[in-house]
Amino acid sequence: MRTVPLQRRLLRNLLAVLLPLGLVVTATAMFATRMAAEDMARSLTRQSIKQTSDELELYFASIDRLLGATRDWARSGLLGFDEVDQLRRLMQPLLANEPQVSSFLLADEQGHELMLLQTHQGWRLRQTDPAQPGEARWLAWQGDPAAPATVSVKPTDIDPRQRPWFSGAIKAEGAQGNPQVHWTGPYELMTTGESGITASIASRGPGGERQVVALDVLLLDITRFTRDLALSERGGVIVLDDQAQLIGLPPDPRLSKLDAREQRLPQDRSAGSASDHAWPPLSDAETAFSRADEATQLIRFRSEGKACWGARKPFPLGPEQRLWIEVLVPESELLDGPI
């Protein structure tokens, strides 16, 4: 019978104790690291979402206030379809002080429409009259609203009553006649071809005729807003609608070249959802959120081979529309070192 030397027995016994202990220590350390990352992710994303939500409330509240003021003017007769000069005088200073609003529209159920638009070339006003179908009268000027305007007539097939901002506002008024602000989803603005969303509300003219006033907001302007919300070197804040169409983009360099047209996403998610864009954390986060319960507000997922954290929160935009604020950040930035 062979005997095991004492030293070897002691070493074997020591290893029998140390190896499990080492595994426990390693697992404990990994768990502690994971918990620390989760705590930091929860804190950072909660703060970022609150900041974004507060800023968005201020952003859209100014549009609601402007919409309410123009509705009151339309009801009192200050904004009429034959009062082009007065509309220029009243609305141009308001739009000039609200850079997020690209254009103002006033239309009625007979098909009259006025649209005031600020462009890089100056101010433009389009006037359509159902008595002259197939054409629109355009005024163009620069600077002061009282400046002389050049007038031209151009063919058009626009019927304001068929536009989503008009029909949506009429529907939001309901049978009770209680107008509420209606927000469209992202769509291509017919005049400029850019992508935007529109806020509109039903109104009544001084003679009781039903009208709609509306304000267009470019998605590119909302993206400038979200890009200014610096979160981290590779993280960012994203705003989407319920169809995963992008409303506001993060400051990642890979998305820096997106213009207003490229940011547009059609309703068909297979043709252009958030996952089609060249920012892997966004598409990977959308996949992870799609597999989670809608109430889930914090997830851990992998993107480009690295662990990331994402958080989201719904942002009500009127009674019919809802946006989602999402905050995405790599785990390595939370712990200041690779995971």
C-alpha atoms as a PDB file:
ATOM      1  CA  MET A   1       0.000   0.000   0.000  1.00  0.00           C
ATOM      2  CA  ARG A   2       1.447   3.293  -1.142  1.00  0.00           C
ATOM      3  CA  THR A   3       1.360   6.258   1.159  1.00  0.00           C
ATOM      4  CA  VAL A   4       0.810   9.788  -0.038  1.00  0.00           C
ATOM      5  CA  PRO A   5       3.434  12.213   1.180  1.00  0.00           C
ATOM      6  CA  LEU A   6       2.162  14.672   3.717  1.00  0.00           C
ATOM      7  CA  GLN A   7       3.011  17.692   1.572  1.00  0.00           C
ATOM      8  CA  ARG A   8       1.084  16.345  -1.371  1.00  0.00           C
ATOM      9  CA  ARG A   9      -1.926  15.596   0.781  1.00  0.00           C
ATOM     10  CA  LEU A  10      -1.827  19.077   2.236  1.00  0.00           C
ATOM     11  CA  LEU A  11      -1.546  20.607  -1.236  1.00  0.00           C
ATOM     12  CA  ARG A  12      -4.420  18.527  -2.525  1.00  0.00           C
ATOM     13  CA  ASN A  13      -6.585  19.471   0.429  1.00  0.00           C
ATOM     14  CA  LEU A  14      -5.630  23.106   0.032  1.00  0.00           C
ATOM     15  CA  LEU A  15      -6.556  23.076  -3.653  1.00  0.00           C
ATOM     16  CA  ALA A  16      -9.807  21.358  -2.833  1.00  0.00           C
ATOM     17  CA  VAL A  17     -10.638  24.323  -0.634  1.00  0.00           C
ATOM     18  CA  LEU A  18      -9.156  27.132  -2.744  1.00  0.00           C
ATOM     19  CA  LEU A  19     -10.562  26.191  -6.132  1.00  0.00           C
ATOM     20  CA  PRO A  20     -14.220  26.309  -5.067  1.00  0.00           C
ATOM     21  CA  LEU A  21     -13.474  29.406  -3.039  1.00  0.00           C
ATOM     22  CA  GLY A  22     -11.856  31.023  -6.067  1.00  0.00           C
ATOM     23  CA  LEU A  23     -14.848  30.218  -8.185  1.00  0.00           C
ATOM     24  CA  VAL A  24     -17.123  31.698  -5.548  1.00  0.00           C
ATOM     25  CA  VAL A  25     -14.989  34.850  -5.312  1.00  0.00           C
ATOM     26  CA  THR A  26     -14.876  35.202  -9.115  1.00  0.00           C
ATOM     27  CA  ALA A  27     -18.609  34.687  -9.435  1.00  0.00           C
ATOM     28  CA  THR A  28     -19.218  37.138  -6.605  1.00  0.00           C
ATOM     29  CA  ALA A  29     -16.964  39.726  -8.250  1.00  0.00           C
ATOM     30  CA  MET A  30     -18.690  39.290 -11.608  1.00  0.00           C
ATOM     31  CA  PHE A  31     -22.091  39.546  -9.960  1.00  0.00           C
ATOM     32  CA  ALA A  32     -20.995  42.678  -8.060  1.00  0.00           C
ATOM     33  CA  THR A  33     -19.686  44.207 -11.293  1.00  0.00           C
ATOM     34  CA  ARG A  34     -22.924  43.395 -13.078  1.00  0.00           C
ATOM     35  CA  MET A  35     -24.988  44.863 -10.238  1.00  0.00           C
ATOM     36  CA  ALA A  36     -22.830  47.995 -10.176  1.00  0.00           C
ATOM     37  CA  ALA A  37     -23.298  48.406 -13.926  1.00  0.00           C
ATOM     38  CA  GLU A  38     -27.042  47.910 -13.577  1.00  0.00           C
ATOM     39  CA  ASP A  39     -27.269  50.444 -10.756  1.00  0.00           C
ATOM     40  CA  MET A  40     -25.290  52.989 -12.762  1.00  0.00           C
ATOM     41  CA  ALA A  41     -27.301  52.264 -15.909  1.00  0.00           C
ATOM     42  CA  ARG A  42     -30.557  52.683 -14.013  1.00  0.00           C
ATOM     43  CA  SER A  43     -29.422  55.962 -12.493  1.00  0.00           C
ATOM     44  CA  LEU A  44     -27.951  57.414 -15.680  1.00  0.00           C
ATOM     45  CA  THR A  45     -30.811  56.421 -17.945  1.00  0.00           C
ATOM     46  CA  ARG A  46     -33.436  57.555 -15.439  1.00  0.00           C
ATOM     47  CA  GLN A  47     -31.820  60.990 -15.247  1.00  0.00           C
ATOM     48  CA  SER A  48     -31.414  61.185 -19.024  1.00  0.00           C
ATOM     49  CA  ILE A  49     -34.991  60.145 -19.695  1.00  0.00           C
ATOM     50  CA  LYS A  50     -36.309  62.684 -17.190  1.00  0.00           C
ATOM     51  CA  GLN A  51     -34.193  65.434 -18.739  1.00  0.00           C
ATOM     52  CA  THR A  52     -35.324  64.496 -22.232  1.00  0.00           C
ATOM     53  CA  SER A  53     -38.958  64.263 -21.155  1.00  0.00           C
ATOM     54  CA  ASP A  54     -38.797  67.669 -19.466  1.00  0.00           C
ATOM     55  CA  GLU A  55     -37.113  69.227 -22.497  1.00  0.00           C
ATOM     56  CA  LEU A  56     -39.605  67.654 -24.893  1.00  0.00           C
ATOM     57  CA  GLU A  57     -42.500  68.965 -22.808  1.00  0.00           C
ATOM     58  CA  LEU A  58     -41.087  72.476 -23.105  1.00  0.00           C
ATOM     59  CA  TYR A  59     -40.354  71.933 -26.799  1.00  0.00           C
ATOM     60  CA  PHE A  60     -43.880  70.843 -27.662  1.00  0.00           C
ATOM     61  CA  ALA A  61     -45.589  73.148 -25.149  1.00  0.00           C
ATOM     62  CA  SER A  62     -44.410  76.190 -27.102  1.00  0.00           C
ATOM     63  CA  ILE A  63     -45.994  74.695 -30.219  1.00  0.00           C
ATOM     64  CA  ASP A  64     -49.269  74.104 -28.356  1.00  0.00           C
ATOM     65  CA  ARG A  65     -49.274  77.707 -27.159  1.00  0.00           C
ATOM     66  CA  LEU A  66     -48.645  79.036 -30.652  1.00  0.00           C
ATOM     67  CA  LEU A  67     -51.364  76.785 -32.028  1.00  0.00           C
ATOM     68  CA  GLY A  68     -53.816  78.076 -29.418  1.00  0.00           C
ATOM     69  CA  ALA A  69     -53.004  81.695 -30.238  1.00  0.00           C
ATOM     70  CA  THR A  70     -53.467  81.216 -33.987  1.00  0.00           C
ATOM     71  CA  ARG A  71     -56.728  79.359 -33.385  1.00  0.00           C
ATOM     72  CA  ASP A  72     -58.042  82.308 -31.374  1.00  0.00           C
ATOM     73  CA  TRP A  73     -57.025  84.686 -34.158  1.00  0.00           C
ATOM     74  CA  ALA A  74     -58.773  82.553 -36.766  1.00  0.00           C
ATOM     75  CA  ARG A  75     -61.944  82.407 -34.663  1.00  0.00           C
ATOM     76  CA  SER A  76     -61.966  86.179 -34.271  1.00  0.00           C
ATOM     77  CA  GLY A  77     -61.461  86.765 -37.987  1.00  0.00           C
ATOM     78  CA  LEU A  78     -57.944  88.181 -37.699  1.00  0.00           C
ATOM     79  CA  LEU A  79     -56.692  85.356 -39.929  1.00  0.00           C
ATOM     80  CA  GLY A  80     -58.898  85.099 -42.995  1.00  0.00           C
ATOM     81  CA  PHE A  81     -58.406  83.583 -46.429  1.00  0.00           C
ATOM     82  CA  ASP A  82     -58.675  87.010 -48.033  1.00  0.00           C
ATOM     83  CA  GLU A  83     -56.467  88.740 -45.428  1.00  0.00           C
ATOM     84  CA  VAL A  84     -53.075  87.767 -46.805  1.00  0.00           C
ATOM     85  CA  ASP A  85     -51.285  90.952 -45.762  1.00  0.00           C
ATOM     86  CA  GLN A  86     -52.616  90.682 -42.214  1.00  0.00           C
ATOM     87  CA  LEU A  87     -51.600  87.035 -42.015  1.00  0.00           C
ATOM     88  CA  ARG A  88     -48.077  88.010 -43.064  1.00  0.00           C
ATOM     89  CA  ARG A  89     -47.961  90.750 -40.456  1.00  0.00           C
ATOM     90  CA  LEU A  90     -49.239  88.570 -37.609  1.00  0.00           C
ATOM     91  CA  MET A  91     -47.691  85.186 -38.324  1.00  0.00           C
ATOM     92  CA  GLN A  92     -44.251  86.000 -39.684  1.00  0.00           C
ATOM     93  CA  PRO A  93     -42.865  87.351 -36.364  1.00  0.00           C
ATOM     94  CA  LEU A  94     -44.283  84.340 -34.487  1.00  0.00           C
ATOM     95  CA  LEU A  95     -42.695  81.810 -36.830  1.00  0.00           C
ATOM     96  CA  ALA A  96     -39.431  83.746 -36.806  1.00  0.00           C
ATOM     97  CA  ASN A  97     -39.315  83.385 -32.999  1.00  0.00           C
ATOM     98  CA  GLU A  98     -40.209  79.670 -33.055  1.00  0.00           C
ATOM     99  CA  PRO A  99     -37.437  78.078 -35.137  1.00  0.00           C
ATOM    100  CA  GLN A 100     -38.796  74.559 -34.585  1.00  0.00           C
ATOM    101  CA  VAL A 101     -41.936  75.481 -36.556  1.00  0.00           C
ATOM    102  CA  SER A 102     -41.359  75.415 -40.299  1.00  0.00           C
ATOM    103  CA  SER A 103     -44.791  76.482 -41.550  1.00  0.00           C
ATOM    104  CA  PHE A 104     -48.308  77.563 -40.591  1.00  0.00           C
ATOM    105  CA  LEU A 105     -51.481  76.365 -42.298  1.00  0.00           C
ATOM    106  CA  LEU A 106     -55.108  77.452 -42.216  1.00  0.00           C
ATOM    107  CA  ALA A 107     -57.783  75.524 -44.147  1.00  0.00           C
ATOM    108  CA  ASP A 108     -61.534  75.020 -44.147  1.00  0.00           C
ATOM    109  CA  GLU A 109     -64.046  72.380 -45.229  1.00  0.00           C
ATOM    110  CA  GLN A 110     -64.660  74.126 -48.553  1.00  0.00           C
ATOM    111  CA  GLY A 111     -61.017  73.622 -49.580  1.00  0.00           C
ATOM    112  CA  HIS A 112     -59.570  77.097 -48.956  1.00  0.00           C
ATOM    113  CA  GLU A 113     -56.028  77.060 -47.647  1.00  0.00           C
ATOM    114  CA  LEU A 114     -53.282  79.466 -46.646  1.00  0.00           C
ATOM    115  CA  MET A 115     -49.755  78.266 -45.908  1.00  0.00           C
ATOM    116  CA  LEU A 116     -46.935  80.480 -44.630  1.00  0.00           C
ATOM    117  CA  LEU A 117     -43.494  78.934 -45.000  1.00  0.00           C
ATOM    118  CA  GLN A 118     -39.989  80.104 -44.097  1.00  0.00           C
ATOM    119  CA  THR A 119     -37.237  78.867 -46.434  1.00  0.00           C
ATOM    120  CA  HIS A 120     -33.550  79.557 -46.957  1.00  0.00           C
ATOM    121  CA  GLN A 121     -34.565  81.902 -49.787  1.00  0.00           C
ATOM    122  CA  GLY A 122     -36.988  83.897 -47.653  1.00  0.00           C
ATOM    123  CA  TRP A 123     -40.720  83.726 -46.962  1.00  0.00           C
ATOM    124  CA  ARG A 124     -43.350  82.017 -49.106  1.00  0.00           C
ATOM    125  CA  LEU A 125     -47.125  82.070 -48.860  1.00  0.00           C
ATOM    126  CA  ARG A 126     -49.390  79.699 -50.787  1.00  0.00           C
ATOM    127  CA  GLN A 127     -53.050  80.508 -51.315  1.00  0.00           C
ATOM    128  CA  THR A 128     -55.498  77.961 -52.744  1.00  0.00           C
ATOM    129  CA  ASP A 129     -59.134  78.617 -53.596  1.00  0.00           C
ATOM    130  CA  PRO A 130     -61.673  75.903 -54.513  1.00  0.00           C
ATOM    131  CA  ALA A 131     -63.169  78.368 -57.003  1.00  0.00           C
ATOM    132  CA  GLN A 132     -59.911  78.070 -58.967  1.00  0.00           C
ATOM    133  CA  PRO A 133     -59.097  74.366 -58.842  1.00  0.00           C
ATOM    134  CA  GLY A 134     -55.781  73.019 -60.043  1.00  0.00           C
ATOM    135  CA  GLU A 135     -53.773  76.119 -59.260  1.00  0.00           C
ATOM    136  CA  ALA A 136     -52.262  77.978 -56.322  1.00  0.00           C
ATOM    137  CA  ARG A 137     -51.249  81.578 -55.895  1.00  0.00           C
ATOM    138  CA  TRP A 138     -47.745  82.016 -54.468  1.00  0.00           C
ATOM    139  CA  LEU A 139     -46.255  85.096 -52.809  1.00  0.00           C
ATOM    140  CA  ALA A 140     -42.509  85.369 -52.171  1.00  0.00           C
ATOM    141  CA  TRP A 141     -40.599  88.037 -50.260  1.00  0.00           C
ATOM    142  CA  GLN A 142     -37.614  88.575 -48.009  1.00  0.00           C
ATOM    143  CA  GLY A 143     -37.198  90.386 -44.722  1.00  0.00           C
ATOM    144  CA  ASP A 144     -39.991  92.545 -43.373  1.00  0.00           C
ATOM    145  CA  PRO A 145     -43.549  91.155 -43.618  1.00  0.00           C
ATOM    146  CA  ALA A 146     -44.613  94.389 -45.298  1.00  0.00           C
ATOM    147  CA  ALA A 147     -41.943  94.018 -47.999  1.00  0.00           C
ATOM    148  CA  PRO A 148     -43.191  93.875 -51.588  1.00  0.00           C
ATOM    149  CA  ALA A 149     -43.900  90.317 -52.715  1.00  0.00           C
ATOM    150  CA  THR A 150     -43.571  88.701 -56.096  1.00  0.00           C
ATOM    151  CA  VAL A 151     -46.713  86.853 -57.161  1.00  0.00           C
ATOM    152  CA  SER A 152     -46.933  83.753 -59.306  1.00  0.00           C
ATOM    153  CA  VAL A 153     -49.565  81.142 -60.116  1.00  0.00           C
ATOM    154  CA  LYS A 154     -48.541  77.486 -60.226  1.00  0.00           C
ATOM    155  CA  PRO A 155     -50.446  74.286 -60.901  1.00  0.00           C
ATOM    156  CA  THR A 156     -51.276  72.158 -57.862  1.00  0.00           C
ATOM    157  CA  ASP A 157     -53.298  69.097 -56.962  1.00  0.00           C
ATOM    158  CA  ILE A 158     -53.256  69.801 -53.221  1.00  0.00           C
ATOM    159  CA  ASP A 159     -56.559  69.465 -51.406  1.00  0.00           C
ATOM    160  CA  PRO A 160     -56.012  70.370 -47.739  1.00  0.00           C
ATOM    161  CA  ARG A 161     -59.038  68.320 -46.720  1.00  0.00           C
ATOM    162  CA  GLN A 162     -57.193  65.155 -47.758  1.00  0.00           C
ATOM    163  CA  ARG A 163     -54.105  65.874 -45.678  1.00  0.00           C
ATOM    164  CA  PRO A 164     -53.578  63.915 -42.420  1.00  0.00           C
ATOM    165  CA  TRP A 165     -53.317  67.051 -40.300  1.00  0.00           C
ATOM    166  CA  PHE A 166     -56.758  68.247 -41.481  1.00  0.00           C
ATOM    167  CA  SER A 167     -58.668  64.980 -41.206  1.00  0.00           C
ATOM    168  CA  GLY A 168     -56.935  64.169 -37.905  1.00  0.00           C
ATOM    169  CA  ALA A 169     -57.972  67.482 -36.341  1.00  0.00           C
ATOM    170  CA  ILE A 170     -61.584  67.045 -37.458  1.00  0.00           C
ATOM    171  CA  LYS A 171     -61.631  63.545 -35.993  1.00  0.00           C
ATOM    172  CA  ALA A 172     -60.044  64.742 -32.730  1.00  0.00           C
ATOM    173  CA  GLU A 173     -62.806  67.328 -32.322  1.00  0.00           C
ATOM    174  CA  GLY A 174     -65.371  64.544 -32.090  1.00  0.00           C
ATOM    175  CA  ALA A 175     -69.144  64.763 -32.026  1.00  0.00           C
ATOM    176  CA  GLN A 176     -69.066  66.789 -28.798  1.00  0.00           C
ATOM    177  CA  GLY A 177     -67.311  69.684 -30.524  1.00  0.00           C
ATOM    178  CA  ASN A 178     -64.444  69.696 -28.013  1.00  0.00           C
ATOM    179  CA  PRO A 179     -61.307  70.391 -30.089  1.00  0.00           C
ATOM    180  CA  GLN A 180     -58.056  68.771 -29.038  1.00  0.00           C
ATOM    181  CA  VAL A 181     -54.590  69.087 -30.501  1.00  0.00           C
ATOM    182  CA  HIS A 182     -53.890  66.315 -32.996  1.00  0.00           C
ATOM    183  CA  TRP A 183     -50.333  65.224 -33.792  1.00  0.00           C
ATOM    184  CA  THR A 184     -49.635  63.263 -36.939  1.00  0.00           C
ATOM    185  CA  GLY A 185     -46.985  60.596 -37.216  1.00  0.00           C
ATOM    186  CA  PRO A 186     -43.923  61.322 -39.354  1.00  0.00           C
ATOM    187  CA  TYR A 187     -44.731  61.884 -43.011  1.00  0.00           C
ATOM    188  CA  GLU A 188     -43.386  63.691 -46.055  1.00  0.00           C
ATOM    189  CA  LEU A 189     -44.430  67.326 -46.120  1.00  0.00           C
ATOM    190  CA  MET A 190     -45.911  67.835 -49.556  1.00  0.00           C
ATOM    191  CA  THR A 191     -44.519  71.300 -50.247  1.00  0.00           C
ATOM    192  CA  THR A 192     -40.874  70.823 -49.274  1.00  0.00           C
ATOM    193  CA  GLY A 193     -40.494  67.038 -49.491  1.00  0.00           C
ATOM    194  CA  GLU A 194     -38.889  67.037 -46.044  1.00  0.00           C
ATOM    195  CA  SER A 195     -39.974  64.779 -43.194  1.00  0.00           C
ATOM    196  CA  GLY A 196     -41.999  66.242 -40.369  1.00  0.00           C
ATOM    197  CA  ILE A 197     -44.879  65.938 -37.965  1.00  0.00           C
ATOM    198  CA  THR A 198     -47.806  68.318 -37.781  1.00  0.00           C
ATOM    199  CA  ALA A 199     -49.831  69.656 -34.873  1.00  0.00           C
ATOM    200  CA  SER A 200     -53.363  70.740 -35.755  1.00  0.00           C
ATOM    201  CA  ILE A 201     -56.609  71.672 -34.088  1.00  0.00           C
ATOM    202  CA  ALA A 202     -60.159  72.233 -35.318  1.00  0.00           C
ATOM    203  CA  SER A 203     -61.624  75.706 -35.059  1.00  0.00           C
ATOM    204  CA  ARG A 204     -64.513  77.840 -36.218  1.00  0.00           C
ATOM    205  CA  GLY A 205     -64.357  80.949 -38.318  1.00  0.00           C
ATOM    206  CA  PRO A 206     -66.187  84.124 -37.316  1.00  0.00           C
ATOM    207  CA  GLY A 207     -69.196  82.924 -39.318  1.00  0.00           C
ATOM    208  CA  GLY A 208     -69.241  79.502 -37.667  1.00  0.00           C
ATOM    209  CA  GLU A 209     -67.581  77.664 -40.562  1.00  0.00           C
ATOM    210  CA  ARG A 210     -65.311  74.791 -39.566  1.00  0.00           C
ATOM    211  CA  GLN A 211     -61.601  75.396 -40.007  1.00  0.00           C
ATOM    212  CA  VAL A 212     -58.309  73.783 -39.041  1.00  0.00           C
ATOM    213  CA  VAL A 213     -55.103  75.546 -38.047  1.00  0.00           C
ATOM    214  CA  ALA A 214     -51.836  73.607 -38.140  1.00  0.00           C
ATOM    215  CA  LEU A 215     -48.091  73.931 -37.561  1.00  0.00           C
ATOM    216  CA  ASP A 216     -45.398  71.800 -39.228  1.00  0.00           C
ATOM    217  CA  VAL A 217     -42.311  70.671 -37.301  1.00  0.00           C
ATOM    218  CA  LEU A 218     -39.345  69.202 -39.193  1.00  0.00           C
ATOM    219  CA  LEU A 219     -37.832  65.960 -37.920  1.00  0.00           C
ATOM    220  CA  LEU A 220     -34.405  67.404 -38.618  1.00  0.00           C
ATOM    221  CA  ASP A 221     -35.100  70.146 -36.060  1.00  0.00           C
ATOM    222  CA  ILE A 222     -36.074  67.549 -33.431  1.00  0.00           C
ATOM    223  CA  THR A 223     -32.886  65.638 -34.236  1.00  0.00           C
ATOM    224  CA  ARG A 224     -30.826  68.770 -33.623  1.00  0.00           C
ATOM    225  CA  PHE A 225     -32.520  68.919 -30.243  1.00  0.00           C
ATOM    226  CA  THR A 226     -31.812  65.286 -29.302  1.00  0.00           C
ATOM    227  CA  ARG A 227     -28.228  65.494 -30.543  1.00  0.00           C
ATOM    228  CA  ASP A 228     -27.610  68.372 -28.161  1.00  0.00           C
ATOM    229  CA  LEU A 229     -28.564  66.094 -25.255  1.00  0.00           C
ATOM    230  CA  ALA A 230     -25.025  64.744 -24.856  1.00  0.00           C
ATOM    231  CA  LEU A 231     -25.174  61.528 -22.831  1.00  0.00           C
ATOM    232  CA  SER A 232     -21.827  59.820 -23.360  1.00  0.00           C
ATOM    233  CA  GLU A 233     -19.182  59.310 -26.001  1.00  0.00           C
ATOM    234  CA  ARG A 234     -21.013  56.428 -27.674  1.00  0.00           C
ATOM    235  CA  GLY A 235     -24.422  56.557 -26.058  1.00  0.00           C
ATOM    236  CA  GLY A 236     -27.360  58.674 -26.997  1.00  0.00           C
ATOM    237  CA  VAL A 237     -31.009  59.657 -26.748  1.00  0.00           C
ATOM    238  CA  ILE A 238     -33.464  58.504 -29.414  1.00  0.00           C
ATOM    239  CA  VAL A 239     -37.099  59.472 -29.890  1.00  0.00           C
ATOM    240  CA  LEU A 240     -39.396  57.133 -31.850  1.00  0.00           C
ATOM    241  CA  ASP A 241     -43.089  56.754 -32.466  1.00  0.00           C
ATOM    242  CA  ASP A 242     -45.200  53.632 -31.920  1.00  0.00           C
ATOM    243  CA  GLN A 243     -44.261  52.325 -35.387  1.00  0.00           C
ATOM    244  CA  ALA A 244     -40.529  52.657 -34.583  1.00  0.00           C
ATOM    245  CA  GLN A 245     -40.214  55.595 -36.955  1.00  0.00           C
ATOM    246  CA  LEU A 246     -37.368  57.846 -35.909  1.00  0.00           C
ATOM    247  CA  ILE A 247     -38.308  61.282 -34.606  1.00  0.00           C
ATOM    248  CA  GLY A 248     -34.997  62.326 -33.020  1.00  0.00           C
ATOM    249  CA  LEU A 249     -31.543  60.812 -33.549  1.00  0.00           C
ATOM    250  CA  PRO A 250     -28.446  60.527 -31.309  1.00  0.00           C
ATOM    251  CA  PRO A 251     -25.125  62.284 -32.023  1.00  0.00           C
ATOM    252  CA  ASP A 252     -23.251  59.188 -33.233  1.00  0.00           C
ATOM    253  CA  PRO A 253     -20.943  60.117 -36.171  1.00  0.00           C
ATOM    254  CA  ARG A 254     -22.387  57.274 -38.238  1.00  0.00           C
ATOM    255  CA  LEU A 255     -25.710  59.119 -38.295  1.00  0.00           C
ATOM    256  CA  SER A 256     -24.302  62.621 -38.769  1.00  0.00           C
ATOM    257  CA  LYS A 257     -24.947  62.678 -42.508  1.00  0.00           C
ATOM    258  CA  LEU A 258     -28.643  61.917 -42.293  1.00  0.00           C
ATOM    259  CA  ASP A 259     -30.678  64.756 -43.752  1.00  0.00           C
ATOM    260  CA  ALA A 260     -34.395  65.363 -43.422  1.00  0.00           C
ATOM    261  CA  ARG A 261     -35.252  63.119 -46.361  1.00  0.00           C
ATOM    262  CA  GLU A 262     -33.071  60.213 -45.245  1.00  0.00           C
ATOM    263  CA  GLN A 263     -34.482  60.330 -41.734  1.00  0.00           C
ATOM    264  CA  ARG A 264     -37.956  59.594 -43.054  1.00  0.00           C
ATOM    265  CA  LEU A 265     -39.179  56.071 -42.318  1.00  0.00           C
ATOM    266  CA  PRO A 266     -42.292  54.668 -44.037  1.00  0.00           C
ATOM    267  CA  GLN A 267     -45.041  52.970 -42.099  1.00  0.00           C
ATOM    268  CA  ASP A 268     -43.994  49.569 -43.439  1.00  0.00           C
ATOM    269  CA  ARG A 269     -41.386  48.500 -40.908  1.00  0.00           C
ATOM    270  CA  SER A 270     -39.932  45.958 -43.324  1.00  0.00           C
ATOM    271  CA  ALA A 271     -39.186  48.809 -45.725  1.00  0.00           C
ATOM    272  CA  GLY A 272     -37.654  51.212 -43.257  1.00  0.00           C
ATOM    273  CA  SER A 273     -37.716  50.644 -39.544  1.00  0.00           C
ATOM    274  CA  ALA A 274     -35.263  51.779 -36.921  1.00  0.00           C
ATOM    275  CA  SER A 275     -33.332  48.536 -37.471  1.00  0.00           C
ATOM    276  CA  ASP A 276     -32.478  49.603 -41.019  1.00  0.00           C
ATOM    277  CA  HIS A 277     -30.311  52.489 -39.873  1.00  0.00           C
ATOM    278  CA  ALA A 278     -26.531  52.359 -39.632  1.00  0.00           C
ATOM    279  CA  TRP A 279     -26.366  52.537 -35.853  1.00  0.00           C
ATOM    280  CA  PRO A 280     -26.168  48.965 -34.518  1.00  0.00           C
ATOM    281  CA  PRO A 281     -27.048  49.833 -30.869  1.00  0.00           C
ATOM    282  CA  LEU A 282     -30.405  51.167 -32.043  1.00  0.00           C
ATOM    283  CA  SER A 283     -31.394  48.129 -34.095  1.00  0.00           C
ATOM    284  CA  ASP A 284     -30.103  45.723 -31.419  1.00  0.00           C
ATOM    285  CA  ALA A 285     -31.971  47.607 -28.683  1.00  0.00           C
ATOM    286  CA  GLU A 286     -35.187  47.546 -30.726  1.00  0.00           C
ATOM    287  CA  THR A 287     -34.834  43.797 -31.105  1.00  0.00           C
ATOM    288  CA  ALA A 288     -34.304  43.383 -27.347  1.00  0.00           C
ATOM    289  CA  PHE A 289     -37.236  45.650 -26.465  1.00  0.00           C
ATOM    290  CA  SER A 290     -39.486  43.833 -28.934  1.00  0.00           C
ATOM    291  CA  ARG A 291     -38.846  40.604 -27.024  1.00  0.00           C
ATOM    292  CA  ALA A 292     -39.566  42.212 -23.652  1.00  0.00           C
ATOM    293  CA  ASP A 293     -42.832  43.222 -22.077  1.00  0.00           C
ATOM    294  CA  GLU A 294     -43.946  46.754 -22.987  1.00  0.00           C
ATOM    295  CA  ALA A 295     -43.701  47.739 -19.323  1.00  0.00           C
ATOM    296  CA  THR A 296     -39.981  46.846 -19.284  1.00  0.00           C
ATOM    297  CA  GLN A 297     -37.978  50.029 -18.879  1.00  0.00           C
ATOM    298  CA  LEU A 298     -34.389  48.759 -18.519  1.00  0.00           C
ATOM    299  CA  ILE A 299     -32.656  46.071 -20.560  1.00  0.00           C
ATOM    300  CA  ARG A 300     -29.139  44.736 -21.033  1.00  0.00           C
ATOM    301  CA  PHE A 301     -28.244  43.661 -24.556  1.00  0.00           C
ATOM    302  CA  ARG A 302     -25.216  43.102 -26.753  1.00  0.00           C
ATOM    303  CA  SER A 303     -24.277  45.185 -29.763  1.00  0.00           C
ATOM    304  CA  GLU A 304     -21.116  44.932 -31.848  1.00  0.00           C
ATOM    305  CA  GLY A 305     -19.843  42.338 -29.400  1.00  0.00           C
ATOM    306  CA  LYS A 306     -20.169  44.601 -26.362  1.00  0.00           C
ATOM    307  CA  ALA A 307     -22.636  44.825 -23.517  1.00  0.00           C
ATOM    308  CA  CYS A 308     -24.993  47.806 -23.570  1.00  0.00           C
ATOM    309  CA  TRP A 309     -27.841  49.112 -21.476  1.00  0.00           C
ATOM    310  CA  GLY A 310     -31.044  50.613 -22.753  1.00  0.00           C
ATOM    311  CA  ALA A 311     -34.007  52.291 -21.112  1.00  0.00           C
ATOM    312  CA  ARG A 312     -37.252  53.626 -22.498  1.00  0.00           C
ATOM    313  CA  LYS A 313     -40.317  55.533 -21.424  1.00  0.00           C
ATOM    314  CA  PRO A 314     -43.508  56.536 -23.257  1.00  0.00           C
ATOM    315  CA  PHE A 315     -44.078  60.234 -23.887  1.00  0.00           C
ATOM    316  CA  PRO A 316     -47.754  61.148 -24.532  1.00  0.00           C
ATOM    317  CA  LEU A 317     -48.177  63.612 -27.364  1.00  0.00           C
ATOM    318  CA  GLY A 318     -51.831  64.533 -27.299  1.00  0.00           C
ATOM    319  CA  PRO A 319     -54.698  62.061 -26.788  1.00  0.00           C
ATOM    320  CA  GLU A 320     -53.929  59.999 -29.914  1.00  0.00           C
ATOM    321  CA  GLN A 321     -50.162  60.033 -30.364  1.00  0.00           C
ATOM    322  CA  ARG A 322     -47.396  58.568 -28.244  1.00  0.00           C
ATOM    323  CA  LEU A 323     -43.639  58.805 -28.595  1.00  0.00           C
ATOM    324  CA  TRP A 324     -40.935  56.680 -26.971  1.00  0.00           C
ATOM    325  CA  ILE A 325     -37.823  58.142 -25.381  1.00  0.00           C
ATOM    326  CA  GLU A 326     -34.953  55.662 -25.443  1.00  0.00           C
ATOM    327  CA  VAL A 327     -31.533  56.043 -23.826  1.00  0.00           C
ATOM    328  CA  LEU A 328     -28.722  53.704 -24.914  1.00  0.00           C
ATOM    329  CA  VAL A 329     -25.234  53.537 -23.402  1.00  0.00           C
ATOM    330  CA  PRO A 330     -22.353  51.008 -23.603  1.00  0.00           C
ATOM    331  CA  GLU A 331     -21.643  49.207 -20.325  1.00  0.00           C
ATOM    332  CA  SER A 332     -17.924  49.971 -20.625  1.00  0.00           C
ATOM    333  CA  GLU A 333     -18.651  53.681 -20.309  1.00  0.00           C
ATOM    334  CA  LEU A 334     -20.608  53.089 -17.125  1.00  0.00           C
ATOM    335  CA  LEU A 335     -17.693  51.318 -15.418  1.00  0.00           C
ATOM    336  CA  ASP A 336     -14.933  53.264 -17.172  1.00  0.00           C
ATOM    337  CA  GLY A 337     -13.309  50.112 -18.462  1.00  0.00           C
ATOM    338  CA  PRO A 338     -13.968  47.127 -20.720  1.00  0.00           C
ATOM    339  CA  ILE A 339     -16.406  44.482 -19.535  1.00  0.00           C
END
